[in-house]
Amino acid sequence: MSKYYLKPEYKEILLAKIPKSKEKHSVFLTKKPVKNIQEFFTSTSFIKDEWPYSTSELDHLLNEKILFFSEEEGNYLLTYKGLIILEYNLEFSYELDSYLNDLNSFLFDKNLKKKYEPLKLKNKVILLTVIGLYAFSPDFSLYVDGSNKSEFAESVDFSVELLKKYNQKNVCDLDKIWNSNIVGEDPILSILRRLDDIPKQTGNIFKVAARDKTHGIYVDILNKDGSIAENKALFLLRKIFDNKILDMDQKQELIDSLNNIQKNYISLIQSNGTIDRINVKIQLRDMIIEEF
């Protein structure tokens, strides 16, 4: 009797996590850039409560590298190995298993590792500023050009002042954030042209304007109902603060800094849709106080 990697009932659940397509995702992912690969696997995530079978069975799928558990976000992801097994309904063999593990290490582990790399100070500053401006969707995103770059710099400076308190050894580097060695480029706009690392290191939650410029810079942390996806928001804040645990005074200081950052949002945020800023602001504040 043939031995398959997955029981039929497990396969049905996991197949439902894969975006529908007429093509094999596993083939096309090999040609995609890192941020698109990360975005795909992030889209397959689920939490433990969504798994209807035993924890031991879930642990078995983790051990077999069919699933991956993200401690930072508290959810499970399908791996590249798991994707191939689901798409091709493969029968188990030790030789095939060894090959799939090697392939998984190359395309999944390697790319996912970038998501959990620490952020550079400059990127922490930019990420915190985008959060403070409530640039949370493609229709409510940050645009900076020659007409509003000074307002952007003011918002960034609030982020810098807050992060100095958590990066005492790097205060000088934070003070030099507007220093640029690139001749002929505006020091403020030059930073915004070099943000490629942040999407990769946030699992593509941080997004930069596409070439057609239909949107600006934003963090993709809103649910369909307009509320904040707290697991994503907390993941970003923990990256900014290197998983430090903040006391209540520090949490309030963070909230105050976010309020200062957003003072220039009218000139910095281009809105092509609607967002309930008051409710989003309240939710973010409560999340910081109660969960961060």
C-alpha atoms as a PDB file:
ATOM      1  CA  MET A   1       0.000   0.000   0.000  1.00  0.00           C
ATOM      2  CA  SER A   2       1.339   3.411  -0.962  1.00  0.00           C
ATOM      3  CA  LYS A   3       2.343   5.779   1.857  1.00  0.00           C
ATOM      4  CA  TYR A   4       1.452   9.425   1.377  1.00  0.00           C
ATOM      5  CA  TYR A   5       2.834  12.374   3.313  1.00  0.00           C
ATOM      6  CA  LEU A   6      -0.556  13.629   4.400  1.00  0.00           C
ATOM      7  CA  LYS A   7      -3.781  12.068   5.547  1.00  0.00           C
ATOM      8  CA  PRO A   8      -6.690  13.062   3.255  1.00  0.00           C
ATOM      9  CA  GLU A   9      -8.377  15.094   6.002  1.00  0.00           C
ATOM     10  CA  TYR A  10      -5.175  17.098   6.637  1.00  0.00           C
ATOM     11  CA  LYS A  11      -4.704  17.666   2.936  1.00  0.00           C
ATOM     12  CA  GLU A  12      -8.198  19.128   2.592  1.00  0.00           C
ATOM     13  CA  ILE A  13      -7.578  21.656   5.372  1.00  0.00           C
ATOM     14  CA  LEU A  14      -4.178  22.749   4.088  1.00  0.00           C
ATOM     15  CA  LEU A  15      -5.272  22.975   0.454  1.00  0.00           C
ATOM     16  CA  ALA A  16      -7.869  25.520   1.544  1.00  0.00           C
ATOM     17  CA  LYS A  17      -5.007  27.777   2.729  1.00  0.00           C
ATOM     18  CA  ILE A  18      -3.460  28.018  -0.744  1.00  0.00           C
ATOM     19  CA  PRO A  19      -4.700  30.803  -3.043  1.00  0.00           C
ATOM     20  CA  LYS A  20      -6.656  29.300  -5.928  1.00  0.00           C
ATOM     21  CA  SER A  21      -4.812  29.166  -9.223  1.00  0.00           C
ATOM     22  CA  LYS A  22      -4.880  27.133 -12.423  1.00  0.00           C
ATOM     23  CA  GLU A  23      -1.082  26.957 -12.287  1.00  0.00           C
ATOM     24  CA  LYS A  24       1.252  25.226  -9.849  1.00  0.00           C
ATOM     25  CA  HIS A  25       2.377  27.826  -7.278  1.00  0.00           C
ATOM     26  CA  SER A  26       5.487  25.790  -6.443  1.00  0.00           C
ATOM     27  CA  VAL A  27       6.831  26.224  -9.995  1.00  0.00           C
ATOM     28  CA  PHE A  28       6.200  29.956 -10.307  1.00  0.00           C
ATOM     29  CA  LEU A  29       7.576  30.802  -6.854  1.00  0.00           C
ATOM     30  CA  THR A  30      11.059  29.783  -8.003  1.00  0.00           C
ATOM     31  CA  LYS A  31      11.035  32.781 -10.341  1.00  0.00           C
ATOM     32  CA  LYS A  32       9.664  35.341  -7.898  1.00  0.00           C
ATOM     33  CA  PRO A  33      11.598  37.904  -5.805  1.00  0.00           C
ATOM     34  CA  VAL A  34      11.981  37.383  -2.056  1.00  0.00           C
ATOM     35  CA  LYS A  35       9.146  39.701  -1.003  1.00  0.00           C
ATOM     36  CA  ASN A  36       6.652  37.888  -3.259  1.00  0.00           C
ATOM     37  CA  ILE A  37       7.743  34.490  -1.949  1.00  0.00           C
ATOM     38  CA  GLN A  38       7.329  35.697   1.640  1.00  0.00           C
ATOM     39  CA  GLU A  39       3.952  37.216   0.852  1.00  0.00           C
ATOM     40  CA  PHE A  40       2.708  33.945  -0.626  1.00  0.00           C
ATOM     41  CA  PHE A  41       3.688  31.810   2.350  1.00  0.00           C
ATOM     42  CA  THR A  42       2.345  34.399   4.788  1.00  0.00           C
ATOM     43  CA  SER A  43      -1.014  34.139   3.013  1.00  0.00           C
ATOM     44  CA  THR A  44      -1.209  30.428   3.990  1.00  0.00           C
ATOM     45  CA  SER A  45      -0.979  31.135   7.728  1.00  0.00           C
ATOM     46  CA  PHE A  46      -3.420  29.893  10.352  1.00  0.00           C
ATOM     47  CA  ILE A  47      -3.588  29.797  14.132  1.00  0.00           C
ATOM     48  CA  LYS A  48      -3.689  26.733  16.366  1.00  0.00           C
ATOM     49  CA  ASP A  49      -7.409  27.137  17.097  1.00  0.00           C
ATOM     50  CA  GLU A  50      -8.141  26.650  13.385  1.00  0.00           C
ATOM     51  CA  TRP A  51      -6.581  23.167  13.441  1.00  0.00           C
ATOM     52  CA  PRO A  52      -9.363  20.655  14.276  1.00  0.00           C
ATOM     53  CA  TYR A  53      -7.084  17.721  15.058  1.00  0.00           C
ATOM     54  CA  SER A  54      -4.648  16.910  17.856  1.00  0.00           C
ATOM     55  CA  THR A  55      -1.609  18.984  18.792  1.00  0.00           C
ATOM     56  CA  SER A  56       0.580  15.909  18.333  1.00  0.00           C
ATOM     57  CA  GLU A  57      -0.498  15.689  14.692  1.00  0.00           C
ATOM     58  CA  LEU A  58       0.308  19.358  14.234  1.00  0.00           C
ATOM     59  CA  ASP A  59       3.741  18.804  15.822  1.00  0.00           C
ATOM     60  CA  HIS A  60       4.301  15.901  13.430  1.00  0.00           C
ATOM     61  CA  LEU A  61       3.746  18.185  10.424  1.00  0.00           C
ATOM     62  CA  LEU A  62       6.212  20.666  11.940  1.00  0.00           C
ATOM     63  CA  ASN A  63       8.828  17.956  12.431  1.00  0.00           C
ATOM     64  CA  GLU A  64       8.370  16.810   8.847  1.00  0.00           C
ATOM     65  CA  LYS A  65       8.849  20.423   7.672  1.00  0.00           C
ATOM     66  CA  ILE A  66       5.460  20.446   6.000  1.00  0.00           C
ATOM     67  CA  LEU A  67       4.491  23.326   8.298  1.00  0.00           C
ATOM     68  CA  PHE A  68       6.493  26.069  10.002  1.00  0.00           C
ATOM     69  CA  PHE A  69       5.568  27.757  13.286  1.00  0.00           C
ATOM     70  CA  SER A  70       6.342  31.461  13.687  1.00  0.00           C
ATOM     71  CA  GLU A  71       6.899  32.176  17.388  1.00  0.00           C
ATOM     72  CA  GLU A  72       7.007  35.923  16.678  1.00  0.00           C
ATOM     73  CA  GLU A  73       3.504  35.903  15.193  1.00  0.00           C
ATOM     74  CA  GLY A  74       2.010  32.836  16.824  1.00  0.00           C
ATOM     75  CA  ASN A  75       0.800  31.198  13.620  1.00  0.00           C
ATOM     76  CA  TYR A  76       1.563  28.296  11.303  1.00  0.00           C
ATOM     77  CA  LEU A  77       2.653  28.557   7.675  1.00  0.00           C
ATOM     78  CA  LEU A  78       2.764  26.061   4.883  1.00  0.00           C
ATOM     79  CA  THR A  79       6.368  25.445   3.741  1.00  0.00           C
ATOM     80  CA  TYR A  80       7.638  24.989   0.203  1.00  0.00           C
ATOM     81  CA  LYS A  81       7.924  21.265   0.895  1.00  0.00           C
ATOM     82  CA  GLY A  82       4.327  21.213   2.069  1.00  0.00           C
ATOM     83  CA  LEU A  83       3.199  23.154  -0.992  1.00  0.00           C
ATOM     84  CA  ILE A  84       4.801  20.657  -3.386  1.00  0.00           C
ATOM     85  CA  ILE A  85       3.329  17.693  -1.507  1.00  0.00           C
ATOM     86  CA  LEU A  86      -0.153  19.214  -1.692  1.00  0.00           C
ATOM     87  CA  GLU A  87       0.075  20.201  -5.350  1.00  0.00           C
ATOM     88  CA  TYR A  88       1.434  16.859  -6.556  1.00  0.00           C
ATOM     89  CA  ASN A  89      -0.067  14.442  -3.979  1.00  0.00           C
ATOM     90  CA  LEU A  90       3.321  12.774  -3.605  1.00  0.00           C
ATOM     91  CA  GLU A  91       3.931   9.291  -2.300  1.00  0.00           C
ATOM     92  CA  PHE A  92       6.587   9.082   0.385  1.00  0.00           C
ATOM     93  CA  SER A  93      10.088   7.752  -0.227  1.00  0.00           C
ATOM     94  CA  TYR A  94      13.256   8.458   1.773  1.00  0.00           C
ATOM     95  CA  GLU A  95      15.070   9.665  -1.344  1.00  0.00           C
ATOM     96  CA  LEU A  96      12.267  12.043  -2.284  1.00  0.00           C
ATOM     97  CA  ASP A  97      11.999  13.265   1.305  1.00  0.00           C
ATOM     98  CA  SER A  98      15.687  14.108   1.397  1.00  0.00           C
ATOM     99  CA  TYR A  99      15.401  16.030  -1.880  1.00  0.00           C
ATOM    100  CA  LEU A 100      12.325  17.967  -0.695  1.00  0.00           C
ATOM    101  CA  ASN A 101      14.063  18.922   2.547  1.00  0.00           C
ATOM    102  CA  ASP A 102      17.026  20.302   0.580  1.00  0.00           C
ATOM    103  CA  LEU A 103      14.686  22.200  -1.742  1.00  0.00           C
ATOM    104  CA  ASN A 104      12.726  23.530   1.219  1.00  0.00           C
ATOM    105  CA  SER A 105      15.926  24.794   2.843  1.00  0.00           C
ATOM    106  CA  PHE A 106      16.843  26.638  -0.348  1.00  0.00           C
ATOM    107  CA  LEU A 107      13.535  28.288  -1.210  1.00  0.00           C
ATOM    108  CA  PHE A 108      11.663  28.490   2.093  1.00  0.00           C
ATOM    109  CA  ASP A 109      14.109  28.612   5.021  1.00  0.00           C
ATOM    110  CA  LYS A 110      16.533  30.925   3.228  1.00  0.00           C
ATOM    111  CA  ASN A 111      13.859  33.450   2.259  1.00  0.00           C
ATOM    112  CA  LEU A 112      11.976  33.253   5.533  1.00  0.00           C
ATOM    113  CA  LYS A 113      15.169  33.909   7.467  1.00  0.00           C
ATOM    114  CA  LYS A 114      15.260  37.422   5.997  1.00  0.00           C
ATOM    115  CA  LYS A 115      11.917  38.128   7.639  1.00  0.00           C
ATOM    116  CA  TYR A 116      13.443  37.663  11.081  1.00  0.00           C
ATOM    117  CA  GLU A 117      16.694  39.532  10.503  1.00  0.00           C
ATOM    118  CA  PRO A 118      17.096  42.610  12.737  1.00  0.00           C
ATOM    119  CA  LEU A 119      16.311  45.949  11.156  1.00  0.00           C
ATOM    120  CA  LYS A 120      18.948  48.613  10.634  1.00  0.00           C
ATOM    121  CA  LEU A 121      18.421  51.749  12.719  1.00  0.00           C
ATOM    122  CA  LYS A 122      17.456  53.806   9.696  1.00  0.00           C
ATOM    123  CA  ASN A 123      14.828  51.260   8.717  1.00  0.00           C
ATOM    124  CA  LYS A 124      13.425  51.189  12.256  1.00  0.00           C
ATOM    125  CA  VAL A 125      12.994  54.959  12.050  1.00  0.00           C
ATOM    126  CA  ILE A 126      11.174  54.800   8.720  1.00  0.00           C
ATOM    127  CA  LEU A 127       8.948  51.917   9.822  1.00  0.00           C
ATOM    128  CA  LEU A 128       7.962  53.662  13.054  1.00  0.00           C
ATOM    129  CA  THR A 129       7.202  56.851  11.114  1.00  0.00           C
ATOM    130  CA  VAL A 130       4.945  55.037   8.650  1.00  0.00           C
ATOM    131  CA  ILE A 131       3.059  53.453  11.565  1.00  0.00           C
ATOM    132  CA  GLY A 132       2.756  56.834  13.300  1.00  0.00           C
ATOM    133  CA  LEU A 133       1.260  58.356  10.150  1.00  0.00           C
ATOM    134  CA  TYR A 134      -1.373  55.586  10.035  1.00  0.00           C
ATOM    135  CA  ALA A 135      -0.351  54.715   6.483  1.00  0.00           C
ATOM    136  CA  PHE A 136      -2.080  51.351   6.767  1.00  0.00           C
ATOM    137  CA  SER A 137      -3.427  50.599   3.293  1.00  0.00           C
ATOM    138  CA  PRO A 138      -2.703  51.255  -0.406  1.00  0.00           C
ATOM    139  CA  ASP A 139      -5.555  53.770  -0.392  1.00  0.00           C
ATOM    140  CA  PHE A 140      -4.182  55.591   2.639  1.00  0.00           C
ATOM    141  CA  SER A 141      -0.447  55.733   2.055  1.00  0.00           C
ATOM    142  CA  LEU A 142       2.590  57.964   2.471  1.00  0.00           C
ATOM    143  CA  TYR A 143       3.705  60.140  -0.432  1.00  0.00           C
ATOM    144  CA  VAL A 144       6.798  62.305  -0.137  1.00  0.00           C
ATOM    145  CA  ASP A 145       8.186  64.663  -2.763  1.00  0.00           C
ATOM    146  CA  GLY A 146       9.849  68.061  -2.881  1.00  0.00           C
ATOM    147  CA  SER A 147       6.694  69.835  -1.685  1.00  0.00           C
ATOM    148  CA  ASN A 148       6.265  67.998   1.627  1.00  0.00           C
ATOM    149  CA  LYS A 149       9.697  66.557   2.417  1.00  0.00           C
ATOM    150  CA  SER A 150      10.230  68.984   5.317  1.00  0.00           C
ATOM    151  CA  GLU A 151       7.014  67.772   6.989  1.00  0.00           C
ATOM    152  CA  PHE A 152       8.203  64.197   6.532  1.00  0.00           C
ATOM    153  CA  ALA A 153      11.529  65.106   8.137  1.00  0.00           C
ATOM    154  CA  GLU A 154       9.671  66.548  11.150  1.00  0.00           C
ATOM    155  CA  SER A 155       7.728  63.315  11.618  1.00  0.00           C
ATOM    156  CA  VAL A 156      10.904  61.269  11.264  1.00  0.00           C
ATOM    157  CA  ASP A 157      12.627  63.374  13.905  1.00  0.00           C
ATOM    158  CA  PHE A 158       9.976  62.346  16.463  1.00  0.00           C
ATOM    159  CA  SER A 159      10.784  58.712  15.670  1.00  0.00           C
ATOM    160  CA  VAL A 160      14.498  59.404  16.024  1.00  0.00           C
ATOM    161  CA  GLU A 161      14.101  61.021  19.432  1.00  0.00           C
ATOM    162  CA  LEU A 162      12.093  58.075  20.747  1.00  0.00           C
ATOM    163  CA  LEU A 163      14.473  55.427  19.391  1.00  0.00           C
ATOM    164  CA  LYS A 164      17.489  57.190  20.875  1.00  0.00           C
ATOM    165  CA  LYS A 165      16.227  56.135  24.290  1.00  0.00           C
ATOM    166  CA  TYR A 166      16.354  52.473  23.289  1.00  0.00           C
ATOM    167  CA  ASN A 167      19.597  52.615  21.332  1.00  0.00           C
ATOM    168  CA  GLN A 168      21.990  54.484  23.623  1.00  0.00           C
ATOM    169  CA  LYS A 169      25.082  53.106  21.863  1.00  0.00           C
ATOM    170  CA  ASN A 170      23.842  54.313  18.483  1.00  0.00           C
ATOM    171  CA  VAL A 171      22.683  57.856  19.282  1.00  0.00           C
ATOM    172  CA  CYS A 172      25.317  59.336  16.971  1.00  0.00           C
ATOM    173  CA  ASP A 173      24.103  57.182  14.085  1.00  0.00           C
ATOM    174  CA  LEU A 174      20.535  58.290  14.659  1.00  0.00           C
ATOM    175  CA  ASP A 175      21.630  61.935  14.727  1.00  0.00           C
ATOM    176  CA  LYS A 176      23.197  61.428  11.287  1.00  0.00           C
ATOM    177  CA  ILE A 177      20.090  60.005   9.658  1.00  0.00           C
ATOM    178  CA  TRP A 178      19.914  62.867   7.152  1.00  0.00           C
ATOM    179  CA  ASN A 179      23.610  62.672   6.271  1.00  0.00           C
ATOM    180  CA  SER A 180      24.035  61.419   2.728  1.00  0.00           C
ATOM    181  CA  ASN A 181      27.161  60.504   0.803  1.00  0.00           C
ATOM    182  CA  ILE A 182      25.317  60.411  -2.496  1.00  0.00           C
ATOM    183  CA  VAL A 183      26.281  63.458  -4.544  1.00  0.00           C
ATOM    184  CA  GLY A 184      23.408  65.270  -6.189  1.00  0.00           C
ATOM    185  CA  GLU A 185      20.632  63.585  -4.217  1.00  0.00           C
ATOM    186  CA  ASP A 186      18.380  65.187  -1.670  1.00  0.00           C
ATOM    187  CA  PRO A 187      19.239  63.568   1.708  1.00  0.00           C
ATOM    188  CA  ILE A 188      15.570  63.154   2.662  1.00  0.00           C
ATOM    189  CA  LEU A 189      14.323  61.733  -0.616  1.00  0.00           C
ATOM    190  CA  SER A 190      17.390  59.521  -1.029  1.00  0.00           C
ATOM    191  CA  ILE A 191      16.360  57.473   2.037  1.00  0.00           C
ATOM    192  CA  LEU A 192      12.953  56.799   0.519  1.00  0.00           C
ATOM    193  CA  ARG A 193      14.572  55.506  -2.670  1.00  0.00           C
ATOM    194  CA  ARG A 194      16.433  52.808  -0.739  1.00  0.00           C
ATOM    195  CA  LEU A 195      13.889  50.875   1.276  1.00  0.00           C
ATOM    196  CA  ASP A 196      14.230  47.484  -0.405  1.00  0.00           C
ATOM    197  CA  ASP A 197      15.334  45.699   2.777  1.00  0.00           C
ATOM    198  CA  ILE A 198      12.258  46.572   4.844  1.00  0.00           C
ATOM    199  CA  PRO A 199       9.681  44.589   2.797  1.00  0.00           C
ATOM    200  CA  LYS A 200      11.941  41.509   2.945  1.00  0.00           C
ATOM    201  CA  GLN A 201      12.500  41.883   6.692  1.00  0.00           C
ATOM    202  CA  THR A 202       8.811  42.321   7.502  1.00  0.00           C
ATOM    203  CA  GLY A 203       7.410  39.524   5.357  1.00  0.00           C
ATOM    204  CA  ASN A 204       6.216  42.177   2.890  1.00  0.00           C
ATOM    205  CA  ILE A 205       3.930  43.813   5.451  1.00  0.00           C
ATOM    206  CA  PHE A 206       5.835  47.031   4.666  1.00  0.00           C
ATOM    207  CA  LYS A 207       5.121  47.934   1.049  1.00  0.00           C
ATOM    208  CA  VAL A 208       6.759  50.464  -1.240  1.00  0.00           C
ATOM    209  CA  ALA A 209       5.098  52.158  -4.214  1.00  0.00           C
ATOM    210  CA  ALA A 210       4.818  50.037  -7.332  1.00  0.00           C
ATOM    211  CA  ARG A 211       6.274  51.342 -10.568  1.00  0.00           C
ATOM    212  CA  ASP A 212       2.872  52.506 -11.748  1.00  0.00           C
ATOM    213  CA  LYS A 213       2.700  54.566  -8.511  1.00  0.00           C
ATOM    214  CA  THR A 214      -0.939  53.730  -7.836  1.00  0.00           C
ATOM    215  CA  HIS A 215      -0.061  53.843  -4.148  1.00  0.00           C
ATOM    216  CA  GLY A 216       2.689  55.133  -1.908  1.00  0.00           C
ATOM    217  CA  ILE A 217       4.424  53.607   1.111  1.00  0.00           C
ATOM    218  CA  TYR A 218       2.354  51.812   3.741  1.00  0.00           C
ATOM    219  CA  VAL A 219       2.195  48.884   6.142  1.00  0.00           C
ATOM    220  CA  ASP A 220      -0.440  46.325   5.221  1.00  0.00           C
ATOM    221  CA  ILE A 221      -1.999  45.777   8.658  1.00  0.00           C
ATOM    222  CA  LEU A 222      -5.720  46.352   8.179  1.00  0.00           C
ATOM    223  CA  ASN A 223      -8.331  43.604   8.161  1.00  0.00           C
ATOM    224  CA  LYS A 224     -11.107  43.668   5.589  1.00  0.00           C
ATOM    225  CA  ASP A 225     -13.405  45.365   8.101  1.00  0.00           C
ATOM    226  CA  GLY A 226     -10.923  48.238   8.559  1.00  0.00           C
ATOM    227  CA  SER A 227      -9.680  47.126  11.980  1.00  0.00           C
ATOM    228  CA  ILE A 228      -5.993  46.548  12.736  1.00  0.00           C
ATOM    229  CA  ALA A 229      -4.618  43.026  12.298  1.00  0.00           C
ATOM    230  CA  GLU A 230      -3.007  42.977  15.732  1.00  0.00           C
ATOM    231  CA  ASN A 231      -0.610  40.092  15.035  1.00  0.00           C
ATOM    232  CA  LYS A 232       0.924  42.076  12.160  1.00  0.00           C
ATOM    233  CA  ALA A 233       1.085  45.362  14.075  1.00  0.00           C
ATOM    234  CA  LEU A 234       2.676  43.708  17.108  1.00  0.00           C
ATOM    235  CA  PHE A 235       5.190  41.912  14.894  1.00  0.00           C
ATOM    236  CA  LEU A 236       6.313  45.250  13.420  1.00  0.00           C
ATOM    237  CA  LEU A 237       6.541  47.002  16.792  1.00  0.00           C
ATOM    238  CA  ARG A 238       8.554  44.133  18.247  1.00  0.00           C
ATOM    239  CA  LYS A 239      10.994  44.377  15.347  1.00  0.00           C
ATOM    240  CA  ILE A 240      11.399  48.104  15.915  1.00  0.00           C
ATOM    241  CA  PHE A 241      12.094  47.640  19.627  1.00  0.00           C
ATOM    242  CA  ASP A 242      14.086  44.387  19.336  1.00  0.00           C
ATOM    243  CA  ASN A 243      11.487  42.485  21.372  1.00  0.00           C
ATOM    244  CA  LYS A 244      12.099  44.685  24.414  1.00  0.00           C
ATOM    245  CA  ILE A 245       9.401  44.604  27.076  1.00  0.00           C
ATOM    246  CA  LEU A 246       8.135  48.127  27.745  1.00  0.00           C
ATOM    247  CA  ASP A 247       6.782  49.264  31.082  1.00  0.00           C
ATOM    248  CA  MET A 248       3.632  51.387  31.295  1.00  0.00           C
ATOM    249  CA  ASP A 249       5.516  54.711  31.205  1.00  0.00           C
ATOM    250  CA  GLN A 250       7.438  53.599  28.117  1.00  0.00           C
ATOM    251  CA  LYS A 251       4.233  52.469  26.432  1.00  0.00           C
ATOM    252  CA  GLN A 252       2.696  55.877  27.059  1.00  0.00           C
ATOM    253  CA  GLU A 253       5.832  57.514  25.685  1.00  0.00           C
ATOM    254  CA  LEU A 254       5.465  55.431  22.521  1.00  0.00           C
ATOM    255  CA  ILE A 255       1.818  56.457  22.180  1.00  0.00           C
ATOM    256  CA  ASP A 256       2.741  60.139  22.654  1.00  0.00           C
ATOM    257  CA  SER A 257       5.466  59.849  20.000  1.00  0.00           C
ATOM    258  CA  LEU A 258       3.029  58.258  17.540  1.00  0.00           C
ATOM    259  CA  ASN A 259       0.635  61.166  18.172  1.00  0.00           C
ATOM    260  CA  ASN A 260       3.429  63.641  17.408  1.00  0.00           C
ATOM    261  CA  ILE A 261       4.456  61.772  14.261  1.00  0.00           C
ATOM    262  CA  GLN A 262       0.942  61.943  12.829  1.00  0.00           C
ATOM    263  CA  LYS A 263       0.596  65.719  13.213  1.00  0.00           C
ATOM    264  CA  ASN A 264       1.701  66.217   9.600  1.00  0.00           C
ATOM    265  CA  TYR A 265      -0.446  63.457   8.130  1.00  0.00           C
ATOM    266  CA  ILE A 266      -2.635  65.874   6.139  1.00  0.00           C
ATOM    267  CA  SER A 267       0.292  66.879   3.916  1.00  0.00           C
ATOM    268  CA  LEU A 268       1.930  63.424   3.859  1.00  0.00           C
ATOM    269  CA  ILE A 269      -0.920  60.966   3.391  1.00  0.00           C
ATOM    270  CA  GLN A 270      -2.642  60.698   0.060  1.00  0.00           C
ATOM    271  CA  SER A 271      -6.052  59.122   0.506  1.00  0.00           C
ATOM    272  CA  ASN A 272      -7.866  57.359  -2.325  1.00  0.00           C
ATOM    273  CA  GLY A 273     -10.344  55.726   0.010  1.00  0.00           C
ATOM    274  CA  THR A 274     -11.626  55.868   3.533  1.00  0.00           C
ATOM    275  CA  ILE A 275     -10.195  54.817   6.869  1.00  0.00           C
ATOM    276  CA  ASP A 276     -11.699  55.356  10.294  1.00  0.00           C
ATOM    277  CA  ARG A 277      -8.657  57.056  11.774  1.00  0.00           C
ATOM    278  CA  ILE A 278     -10.222  57.629  15.172  1.00  0.00           C
ATOM    279  CA  ASN A 279     -11.101  53.964  15.700  1.00  0.00           C
ATOM    280  CA  VAL A 280      -7.769  52.813  14.274  1.00  0.00           C
ATOM    281  CA  LYS A 281      -5.953  55.208  16.586  1.00  0.00           C
ATOM    282  CA  ILE A 282      -7.883  53.946  19.606  1.00  0.00           C
ATOM    283  CA  GLN A 283      -7.277  50.322  18.652  1.00  0.00           C
ATOM    284  CA  LEU A 284      -3.546  50.908  18.204  1.00  0.00           C
ATOM    285  CA  ARG A 285      -3.324  52.684  21.556  1.00  0.00           C
ATOM    286  CA  ASP A 286      -5.227  49.927  23.378  1.00  0.00           C
ATOM    287  CA  MET A 287      -3.127  47.247  21.701  1.00  0.00           C
ATOM    288  CA  ILE A 288       0.103  48.906  22.845  1.00  0.00           C
ATOM    289  CA  ILE A 289      -1.134  49.257  26.424  1.00  0.00           C
ATOM    290  CA  GLU A 290      -2.659  45.792  26.768  1.00  0.00           C
ATOM    291  CA  GLU A 291      -0.577  43.515  24.538  1.00  0.00           C
ATOM    292  CA  PHE A 292       2.750  45.066  23.566  1.00  0.00           C
END
